[in-house]
Amino acid sequence: MATKSLYGVALALALALTLAPTLALTLTLTLTLTLALTLTLTLTLALTLALTLALTLTLFSWRGGIG
């Protein structure tokens, strides 16, 4: 009975050690992708705001300023 239990523990450990690199790689790639998407969205938002500001200032300058 103890041999079966020990065999089960050894099998579970072997399976965990086999899957650990795959899970670690998957998590790393997921986090990397998430960070890349966040950075891309942040840069896109910054670019949009900069273009909006530039367009607004250009339109105001064409109309002779705010006052």
Protein backbone atom coordinates (compact mmCIF):
# COMPACT_ATOMS: atom_id res chain seq x y z
CA MET A 1 0.00 0.00 0.00
CA ALA A 2 2.80 2.41 0.89
CA THR A 3 4.53 1.52 -2.37
CA LYS A 4 1.47 2.56 -4.38
CA SER A 5 1.29 5.85 -2.50
CA LEU A 6 4.99 6.49 -3.02
CA TYR A 7 4.62 5.61 -6.71
CA GLY A 8 1.75 8.11 -6.99
CA VAL A 9 3.80 10.84 -5.35
CA ALA A 10 6.76 10.12 -7.64
CA LEU A 11 4.50 10.16 -10.69
CA ALA A 12 2.90 13.44 -9.64
CA LEU A 13 6.32 14.97 -9.03
CA ALA A 14 7.61 13.79 -12.41
CA LEU A 15 4.52 15.21 -14.13
CA ALA A 16 4.87 18.53 -12.30
CA LEU A 17 8.54 18.80 -13.21
CA THR A 18 7.74 17.96 -16.82
CA LEU A 19 4.98 20.57 -17.09
CA ALA A 20 6.72 23.30 -15.06
CA PRO A 21 8.87 24.70 -17.91
CA THR A 22 5.90 24.75 -20.26
CA LEU A 23 3.74 26.54 -17.71
CA ALA A 24 6.54 28.97 -16.89
CA LEU A 25 7.07 29.74 -20.56
CA THR A 26 3.35 30.18 -21.14
CA LEU A 27 3.05 32.57 -18.19
CA THR A 28 6.13 34.48 -19.30
CA LEU A 29 4.83 34.86 -22.84
CA THR A 30 1.41 35.87 -21.56
CA LEU A 31 2.88 38.53 -19.29
CA THR A 32 5.19 39.74 -22.05
CA LEU A 33 2.28 39.98 -24.47
CA THR A 34 0.19 41.80 -21.88
CA LEU A 35 2.98 44.29 -21.23
CA ALA A 36 3.54 44.79 -24.95
CA LEU A 37 -0.16 45.42 -25.54
CA THR A 38 -0.33 47.82 -22.59
CA LEU A 39 2.70 49.72 -23.88
CA THR A 40 1.25 49.81 -27.39
CA LEU A 41 -2.09 51.12 -26.14
CA THR A 42 -0.35 53.72 -23.96
CA LEU A 43 1.78 54.93 -26.86
CA THR A 44 -1.26 55.01 -29.15
CA LEU A 45 -3.17 57.07 -26.60
CA ALA A 46 -0.22 59.44 -26.18
CA LEU A 47 0.08 59.82 -29.94
CA THR A 48 -3.65 60.48 -30.26
CA LEU A 49 -3.52 63.13 -27.55
CA ALA A 50 -0.47 64.77 -29.14
CA LEU A 51 -2.15 64.86 -32.55
CA THR A 52 -5.35 66.24 -31.05
CA LEU A 53 -3.40 68.96 -29.26
CA ALA A 54 -1.46 69.82 -32.41
CA LEU A 55 -4.64 69.99 -34.48
CA THR A 56 -6.38 72.13 -31.85
CA LEU A 57 -3.47 74.56 -31.66
CA THR A 58 -3.29 74.73 -35.44
CA LEU A 59 -6.98 75.51 -35.73
CA PHE A 60 -6.74 78.17 -33.02
CA SER A 61 -3.77 79.77 -34.75
CA TRP A 62 -5.70 79.92 -38.05
CA ARG A 63 -8.56 81.68 -36.32
CA GLY A 64 -6.30 84.25 -34.72
CA GLY A 65 -5.89 82.63 -31.34
CA ILE A 66 -8.28 82.13 -28.46
CA GLY A 67 -9.18 85.78 -27.89
